[in-house]
Amino acid sequence: MKTGGDRGYLRIATEEAFATREQVDAYLRMLREGTADKGMTSLWGFYGQSPSARTVQVMERLLDVGERRIADMDAHGIDKAILALTAPGVQPLHDLDEAKDIARRANDFLAERCAAYPDRFIGMTAVAPQDPHWSAEEIRRGARELGFKGVQINSHTQGEYLDEAKFDPIFRALAETGQPLYIHPSTPPDSMIDPMLEAGLDGAVFGFGVDTGMHLLRLITTGIFDRYPDLQIMVGHMGEALPYWLYRLDYMHQAGVRSQRYERLKPLKKTIAEYMRSNVLITNSGVAWEPAVRFAQQVVGEDRIMYAMDYPYQVEEAEVRAMDNLDIAPEIKKKFFQTNAERWFKL
């Protein structure tokens, strides 16, 4: 694979993860102490403790934000990577000061790494939504002092979703800085995980998408884009299935609003499909599948679908080739790989 736009476009990967040792050690301590929720116990009990070749390689790649990562990007034809602190970030941590300290130090570390490789790495701010006002200040610091281009939040924070009123300072800071919010998956909270966990479907295979798709829907249907009409929210994994459900989501949402059955379903200025076309951005992380990419381009818009690899969890050169070979017009392919990311992340 070659980098450098040899096909007429750069490949910008928009959902790429890193970790800090301090973060991983906090997870391992929570597992030992029994304070981790069921999803974290399932996920990080595997990634943090399994001796399998896959987990060892994932952990090595997560912790390297230098030459090893650059070599992997070169080998897979990735020109630039947009990096964010791996899920679930600091959101499961019960000690608020510890959560904020780990997030702040992770942001400082990422800024230093982006400065070391300015042509290859782009950063997103990590926050601790447990403290919305602190998170708002950290969003401003990331945008104004650290040079970051977006903010990542890993779905729910200890079972709470961003449509709760207490999280509004986060959205005010996003509006003020003009930065996009990337809602990355996390394992579902204990309140909904049991049937998935017992079937082995709690993680990336299904549970991630269920939780994150619902999170985005909660935000849309409680009017986040009526309050913040310029806000852009990104989700990965081909839109966490929502594009495929759009017709039914719209139909049944409107029926629900008319019925007045639910306190939180109020009339909105637009339909769900219209918000998806004006305020939602989708990356194909983990879904290198032409039918899905083309369908999302058709229903959400070719300006709103972006490339991502999902490094280091899904690193397949064949997937980069498959996306290079998409049967779409060259100008749309350039949007997918390069110019949509440049536009929405203001690169």
Protein backbone atom coordinates (compact mmCIF):
# COMPACT_ATOMS: atom_id res chain seq x y z
CA MET A 1 0.00 0.00 0.00
CA LYS A 2 1.18 3.54 -0.70
CA THR A 3 0.51 6.78 1.13
CA GLY A 4 0.70 10.28 -0.29
CA GLY A 5 -2.33 10.47 -2.53
CA ASP A 6 -1.03 8.17 -5.27
CA ARG A 7 -4.68 7.39 -6.16
CA GLY A 8 -5.75 11.02 -6.26
CA TYR A 9 -6.72 11.26 -2.59
CA LEU A 10 -5.22 11.00 0.87
CA ARG A 11 -6.59 8.35 3.19
CA ILE A 12 -7.63 10.01 6.45
CA ALA A 13 -8.70 7.49 9.10
CA THR A 14 -11.21 9.14 11.42
CA GLU A 15 -11.78 6.70 14.34
CA GLU A 16 -8.38 5.58 15.57
CA ALA A 17 -7.71 4.76 19.22
CA PHE A 18 -4.82 5.14 21.63
CA ALA A 19 -4.48 4.44 25.34
CA THR A 20 -2.29 5.61 28.18
CA ARG A 21 -0.73 3.20 30.64
CA GLU A 22 -2.36 5.15 33.47
CA GLN A 23 -5.81 4.64 31.94
CA VAL A 24 -5.30 0.89 31.43
CA ASP A 25 -3.93 0.49 34.96
CA ALA A 26 -7.06 2.20 36.34
CA TYR A 27 -9.22 -0.29 34.43
CA LEU A 28 -7.23 -3.25 35.75
CA ARG A 29 -7.55 -1.93 39.30
CA MET A 30 -11.34 -1.63 38.88
CA LEU A 31 -11.47 -5.23 37.64
CA ARG A 32 -9.43 -6.41 40.66
CA GLU A 33 -11.57 -4.43 43.09
CA GLY A 34 -14.84 -5.55 41.51
CA THR A 35 -15.97 -1.94 40.86
CA ALA A 36 -16.20 -2.29 37.06
CA ASP A 37 -19.63 -2.75 35.50
CA LYS A 38 -20.53 -5.95 33.64
CA GLY A 39 -19.62 -4.60 30.21
CA MET A 40 -16.23 -3.32 31.28
CA THR A 41 -15.54 -6.59 33.09
CA SER A 42 -16.33 -8.48 29.87
CA LEU A 43 -14.39 -6.17 27.54
CA TRP A 44 -11.35 -5.18 29.58
CA GLY A 45 -11.19 -8.50 31.36
CA PHE A 46 -10.30 -9.72 27.87
CA TYR A 47 -8.23 -6.86 26.42
CA GLY A 48 -6.45 -6.10 29.68
CA GLN A 49 -5.74 -9.62 30.90
CA SER A 50 -5.96 -12.23 28.13
CA PRO A 51 -2.55 -13.58 27.00
CA SER A 52 -3.85 -14.21 23.45
CA ALA A 53 -1.78 -12.94 20.52
CA ARG A 54 -4.63 -10.62 19.46
CA THR A 55 -4.96 -8.87 22.81
CA VAL A 56 -1.20 -8.51 23.27
CA GLN A 57 -0.92 -6.92 19.82
CA VAL A 58 -3.91 -4.62 20.40
CA MET A 59 -2.46 -3.43 23.71
CA GLU A 60 0.98 -2.78 22.19
CA ARG A 61 -0.58 -0.81 19.36
CA LEU A 62 -2.88 1.17 21.67
CA LEU A 63 0.01 2.34 23.80
CA ASP A 64 2.28 3.33 20.89
CA VAL A 65 1.65 6.81 19.52
CA GLY A 66 4.94 6.95 17.65
CA GLU A 67 7.04 4.97 15.22
CA ARG A 68 5.19 1.66 15.53
CA ARG A 69 1.88 3.36 14.71
CA ILE A 70 3.42 5.34 11.86
CA ALA A 71 4.89 2.14 10.42
CA ASP A 72 1.46 0.48 10.56
CA MET A 73 -0.12 3.51 8.88
CA ASP A 74 2.52 3.38 6.13
CA ALA A 75 1.99 -0.34 5.64
CA HIS A 76 -1.77 0.09 5.30
CA GLY A 77 -1.73 3.24 3.19
CA ILE A 78 -3.11 5.58 5.88
CA ASP A 79 -1.91 9.16 5.45
CA LYS A 80 -3.42 10.75 8.55
CA ALA A 81 -5.07 9.36 11.69
CA ILE A 82 -7.56 11.18 13.89
CA LEU A 83 -6.76 9.88 17.37
CA ALA A 84 -8.94 9.62 20.46
CA LEU A 85 -8.51 8.06 23.89
CA THR A 86 -9.80 4.50 23.64
CA ALA A 87 -13.24 3.57 24.97
CA PRO A 88 -14.58 3.80 27.59
CA GLY A 89 -12.16 6.65 28.28
CA VAL A 90 -12.33 7.85 31.88
CA GLN A 91 -16.13 7.59 31.99
CA PRO A 92 -16.37 4.47 34.22
CA LEU A 93 -14.10 5.93 36.93
CA HIS A 94 -15.86 6.67 40.23
CA ASP A 95 -13.17 8.96 41.65
CA LEU A 96 -13.89 12.24 39.87
CA ASP A 97 -10.48 13.79 40.50
CA GLU A 98 -8.73 10.69 39.17
CA ALA A 99 -10.95 10.67 36.05
CA LYS A 100 -10.20 14.33 35.30
CA ASP A 101 -6.47 13.93 35.96
CA ILE A 102 -6.19 10.92 33.64
CA ALA A 103 -8.17 12.70 30.89
CA ARG A 104 -6.13 15.89 31.23
CA ARG A 105 -2.82 14.03 31.11
CA ALA A 106 -4.03 11.96 28.15
CA ASN A 107 -4.91 15.17 26.32
CA ASP A 108 -1.50 16.68 27.09
CA PHE A 109 0.22 13.50 25.90
CA LEU A 110 -1.83 13.39 22.69
CA ALA A 111 -1.08 17.07 21.96
CA GLU A 112 2.63 16.34 22.33
CA ARG A 113 2.37 13.33 19.99
CA CYS A 114 0.42 15.36 17.40
CA ALA A 115 3.11 18.06 17.58
CA ALA A 116 5.78 15.39 17.02
CA TYR A 117 3.98 14.08 13.89
CA PRO A 118 2.01 17.10 12.65
CA ASP A 119 1.50 15.68 9.16
CA ARG A 120 0.20 12.33 10.40
CA PHE A 121 -1.69 12.69 13.72
CA ILE A 122 -4.76 14.81 14.56
CA GLY A 123 -6.21 14.82 18.08
CA MET A 124 -9.64 14.73 19.68
CA THR A 125 -10.24 15.90 23.23
CA ALA A 126 -11.07 13.38 25.96
CA VAL A 127 -13.43 14.56 28.69
CA ALA A 128 -14.95 13.31 31.94
CA PRO A 129 -18.70 13.84 31.47
CA GLN A 130 -19.15 12.97 35.17
CA ASP A 131 -18.21 16.66 35.62
CA PRO A 132 -19.92 18.52 32.75
CA HIS A 133 -18.52 21.95 33.66
CA TRP A 134 -14.95 20.67 33.85
CA SER A 135 -15.52 18.84 30.56
CA ALA A 136 -16.71 22.07 28.94
CA GLU A 137 -13.51 23.82 30.03
CA GLU A 138 -11.41 20.92 28.74
CA ILE A 139 -13.20 21.11 25.37
CA ARG A 140 -12.26 24.81 25.19
CA ARG A 141 -8.66 24.03 26.19
CA GLY A 142 -8.44 21.24 23.60
CA ALA A 143 -9.72 23.53 20.86
CA ARG A 144 -7.83 26.70 21.78
CA GLU A 145 -4.58 25.53 23.36
CA LEU A 146 -3.95 21.94 22.26
CA GLY A 147 -4.99 22.24 18.61
CA PHE A 148 -7.53 19.41 18.76
CA LYS A 149 -10.21 19.14 16.09
CA GLY A 150 -13.08 17.38 17.85
CA VAL A 151 -14.28 15.75 21.06
CA GLN A 152 -14.92 12.06 21.71
CA ILE A 153 -17.36 10.72 24.30
CA ASN A 154 -17.77 6.96 24.68
CA SER A 155 -21.55 6.65 24.79
CA HIS A 156 -23.10 6.47 28.27
CA THR A 157 -21.34 7.59 31.44
CA GLN A 158 -22.18 5.11 34.19
CA GLY A 159 -25.61 4.56 32.64
CA GLU A 160 -26.37 8.22 31.91
CA TYR A 161 -26.78 9.57 28.37
CA LEU A 162 -25.97 13.02 27.03
CA ASP A 163 -29.63 13.96 26.51
CA GLU A 164 -29.88 14.56 30.28
CA ALA A 165 -30.06 18.30 31.03
CA LYS A 166 -27.01 18.17 33.29
CA PHE A 167 -24.74 17.60 30.27
CA ASP A 168 -25.76 20.83 28.52
CA PRO A 169 -22.47 22.64 29.37
CA ILE A 170 -20.71 20.12 27.10
CA PHE A 171 -22.93 21.09 24.16
CA ARG A 172 -22.53 24.79 24.90
CA ALA A 173 -18.75 24.35 24.71
CA LEU A 174 -19.05 22.39 21.45
CA ALA A 175 -21.19 25.18 19.98
CA GLU A 176 -18.80 27.84 21.20
CA THR A 177 -15.73 26.14 19.72
CA GLY A 178 -17.46 24.86 16.57
CA GLN A 179 -16.15 21.36 17.20
CA PRO A 180 -17.82 18.07 16.24
CA LEU A 181 -18.72 15.47 18.86
CA TYR A 182 -17.81 11.87 18.09
CA ILE A 183 -20.00 9.44 20.04
CA HIS A 184 -17.94 6.28 20.18
CA PRO A 185 -19.42 3.00 21.44
CA SER A 186 -19.07 1.58 24.89
CA THR A 187 -20.52 -1.64 26.25
CA PRO A 188 -24.18 -1.23 27.26
CA PRO A 189 -24.86 -0.33 30.90
CA ASP A 190 -25.82 -2.97 33.44
CA SER A 191 -29.49 -1.97 33.03
CA MET A 192 -29.60 -3.43 29.49
CA ILE A 193 -26.61 -5.74 29.00
CA ASP A 194 -27.67 -9.10 30.46
CA PRO A 195 -29.37 -10.71 27.43
CA MET A 196 -26.45 -9.62 25.22
CA LEU A 197 -23.80 -10.73 27.69
CA GLU A 198 -25.19 -14.22 28.11
CA ALA A 199 -25.22 -14.64 24.31
CA GLY A 200 -21.72 -13.21 23.78
CA LEU A 201 -23.20 -10.23 21.91
CA ASP A 202 -22.29 -7.42 24.32
CA GLY A 203 -19.29 -5.89 22.52
CA ALA A 204 -18.43 -4.78 19.00
CA VAL A 205 -20.44 -7.62 17.47
CA PHE A 206 -23.78 -6.03 18.49
CA GLY A 207 -23.99 -4.38 21.93
CA PHE A 208 -21.81 -1.42 20.96
CA GLY A 209 -24.09 -0.50 18.07
CA VAL A 210 -27.31 -0.98 20.04
CA ASP A 211 -26.16 1.34 22.80
CA THR A 212 -24.61 4.00 20.57
CA GLY A 213 -27.45 4.04 18.05
CA MET A 214 -29.90 4.49 20.91
CA HIS A 215 -27.73 7.26 22.37
CA LEU A 216 -27.82 9.22 19.12
CA LEU A 217 -31.58 8.68 18.82
CA ARG A 218 -32.11 9.93 22.38
CA LEU A 219 -30.26 13.12 21.47
CA ILE A 220 -32.13 13.66 18.20
CA THR A 221 -35.59 12.96 19.62
CA THR A 222 -35.09 15.23 22.64
CA GLY A 223 -34.26 18.13 20.33
CA ILE A 224 -30.49 18.55 20.57
CA PHE A 225 -30.29 19.88 17.01
CA ASP A 226 -33.17 22.30 17.53
CA ARG A 227 -31.22 23.76 20.46
CA TYR A 228 -27.85 23.62 18.65
CA PRO A 229 -28.63 23.78 14.92
CA ASP A 230 -24.96 23.95 13.87
CA LEU A 231 -23.83 21.00 16.02
CA GLN A 232 -22.38 18.02 14.16
CA ILE A 233 -22.40 14.59 15.81
CA MET A 234 -20.32 11.77 14.37
CA VAL A 235 -20.89 8.07 14.84
CA GLY A 236 -18.93 5.16 13.43
CA HIS A 237 -19.64 1.65 12.22
CA MET A 238 -21.76 2.84 9.32
CA GLY A 239 -24.08 4.89 11.53
CA GLU A 240 -24.70 2.19 14.15
CA ALA A 241 -27.48 0.78 11.88
CA LEU A 242 -29.63 3.93 11.96
CA PRO A 243 -29.45 4.72 8.21
CA TYR A 244 -30.98 1.33 7.45
CA TRP A 245 -33.85 1.94 9.89
CA LEU A 246 -34.54 5.56 8.94
CA TYR A 247 -37.93 5.07 7.30
CA ARG A 248 -39.35 3.19 10.27
CA LEU A 249 -37.66 5.45 12.82
CA ASP A 250 -39.31 8.48 11.22
CA TYR A 251 -42.71 6.87 10.85
CA MET A 252 -42.89 5.54 14.40
CA HIS A 253 -41.30 8.61 15.98
CA GLN A 254 -43.96 10.83 14.42
CA ALA A 255 -46.67 8.42 15.57
CA GLY A 256 -45.20 8.56 19.07
CA VAL A 257 -45.17 12.37 19.09
CA ARG A 258 -48.82 12.48 17.94
CA SER A 259 -49.90 9.97 20.59
CA GLN A 260 -48.42 12.09 23.40
CA ARG A 261 -47.59 8.80 25.16
CA TYR A 262 -44.10 9.88 26.17
CA GLU A 263 -43.16 12.95 28.17
CA ARG A 264 -39.88 13.35 26.28
CA LEU A 265 -41.20 12.99 22.73
CA LYS A 266 -42.06 16.55 21.74
CA PRO A 267 -42.61 17.87 18.20
CA LEU A 268 -39.33 18.72 16.46
CA LYS A 269 -38.52 21.18 13.69
CA LYS A 270 -37.35 18.43 11.33
CA THR A 271 -37.73 14.70 10.81
CA ILE A 272 -35.09 12.28 12.05
CA ALA A 273 -34.03 11.72 8.43
CA GLU A 274 -33.61 15.46 7.91
CA TYR A 275 -31.40 15.76 11.01
CA MET A 276 -29.34 12.84 9.74
CA ARG A 277 -28.75 14.81 6.54
CA SER A 278 -27.92 18.09 8.28
CA ASN A 279 -26.30 17.27 11.63
CA VAL A 280 -25.05 13.66 11.67
CA LEU A 281 -21.77 12.42 10.20
CA ILE A 282 -20.95 8.75 9.72
CA THR A 283 -17.69 6.86 9.47
CA ASN A 284 -17.35 3.35 8.15
CA SER A 285 -15.08 2.16 10.98
CA GLY A 286 -15.15 -1.63 11.10
CA VAL A 287 -17.52 -1.86 8.11
CA ALA A 288 -15.52 -2.12 4.90
CA TRP A 289 -18.60 -3.15 2.95
CA GLU A 290 -19.54 -1.45 -0.28
CA PRO A 291 -23.34 -1.94 -0.08
CA ALA A 292 -23.45 -0.28 3.34
CA VAL A 293 -21.20 2.61 2.31
CA ARG A 294 -23.20 3.31 -0.82
CA PHE A 295 -26.53 3.03 0.99
CA ALA A 296 -25.44 5.53 3.64
CA GLN A 297 -24.18 7.90 0.95
CA GLN A 298 -27.58 7.61 -0.71
CA VAL A 299 -29.73 8.25 2.37
CA VAL A 300 -27.52 10.55 4.49
CA GLY A 301 -25.48 12.21 1.74
CA GLU A 302 -22.10 11.70 0.08
CA ASP A 303 -20.71 14.72 1.99
CA ARG A 304 -21.42 13.02 5.34
CA ILE A 305 -19.74 9.62 5.04
CA MET A 306 -16.05 9.30 5.96
CA TYR A 307 -13.40 6.61 6.02
CA ALA A 308 -12.10 5.07 9.24
CA MET A 309 -10.06 1.96 9.99
CA ASP A 310 -10.82 1.40 13.72
CA TYR A 311 -7.15 0.90 14.56
CA PRO A 312 -5.95 -1.07 16.46
CA TYR A 313 -9.05 -3.19 16.95
CA GLN A 314 -9.65 -3.98 13.28
CA VAL A 315 -6.51 -3.65 11.17
CA GLU A 316 -7.00 -5.28 7.77
CA GLU A 317 -5.11 -4.19 4.68
CA ALA A 318 -7.74 -5.98 2.58
CA GLU A 319 -10.35 -3.58 3.95
CA VAL A 320 -8.37 -0.54 2.76
CA ARG A 321 -8.13 -2.16 -0.69
CA ALA A 322 -11.86 -2.87 -0.69
CA MET A 323 -12.62 0.79 0.00
CA ASP A 324 -10.08 1.90 -2.62
CA ASN A 325 -12.01 -0.24 -5.08
CA LEU A 326 -15.46 1.11 -4.26
CA ASP A 327 -17.51 1.37 -7.44
CA ILE A 328 -18.27 5.07 -7.02
CA ALA A 329 -17.25 8.19 -8.94
CA PRO A 330 -13.68 9.39 -8.26
CA GLU A 331 -14.88 12.71 -6.84
CA ILE A 332 -17.14 10.89 -4.34
CA LYS A 333 -14.29 8.56 -3.39
CA LYS A 334 -12.08 11.56 -2.66
CA LYS A 335 -14.83 12.98 -0.43
CA PHE A 336 -15.07 9.64 1.40
CA PHE A 337 -11.35 9.28 2.04
CA GLN A 338 -10.16 12.85 2.33
CA THR A 339 -12.17 16.00 1.80
CA ASN A 340 -15.17 15.22 4.04
CA ALA A 341 -12.78 14.69 6.95
CA GLU A 342 -10.92 17.89 6.06
CA ARG A 343 -14.20 19.78 5.97
CA TRP A 344 -15.84 18.49 9.12
CA PHE A 345 -12.73 18.38 11.29
CA LYS A 346 -11.59 21.74 9.85
CA LEU A 347 -8.17 20.37 8.94
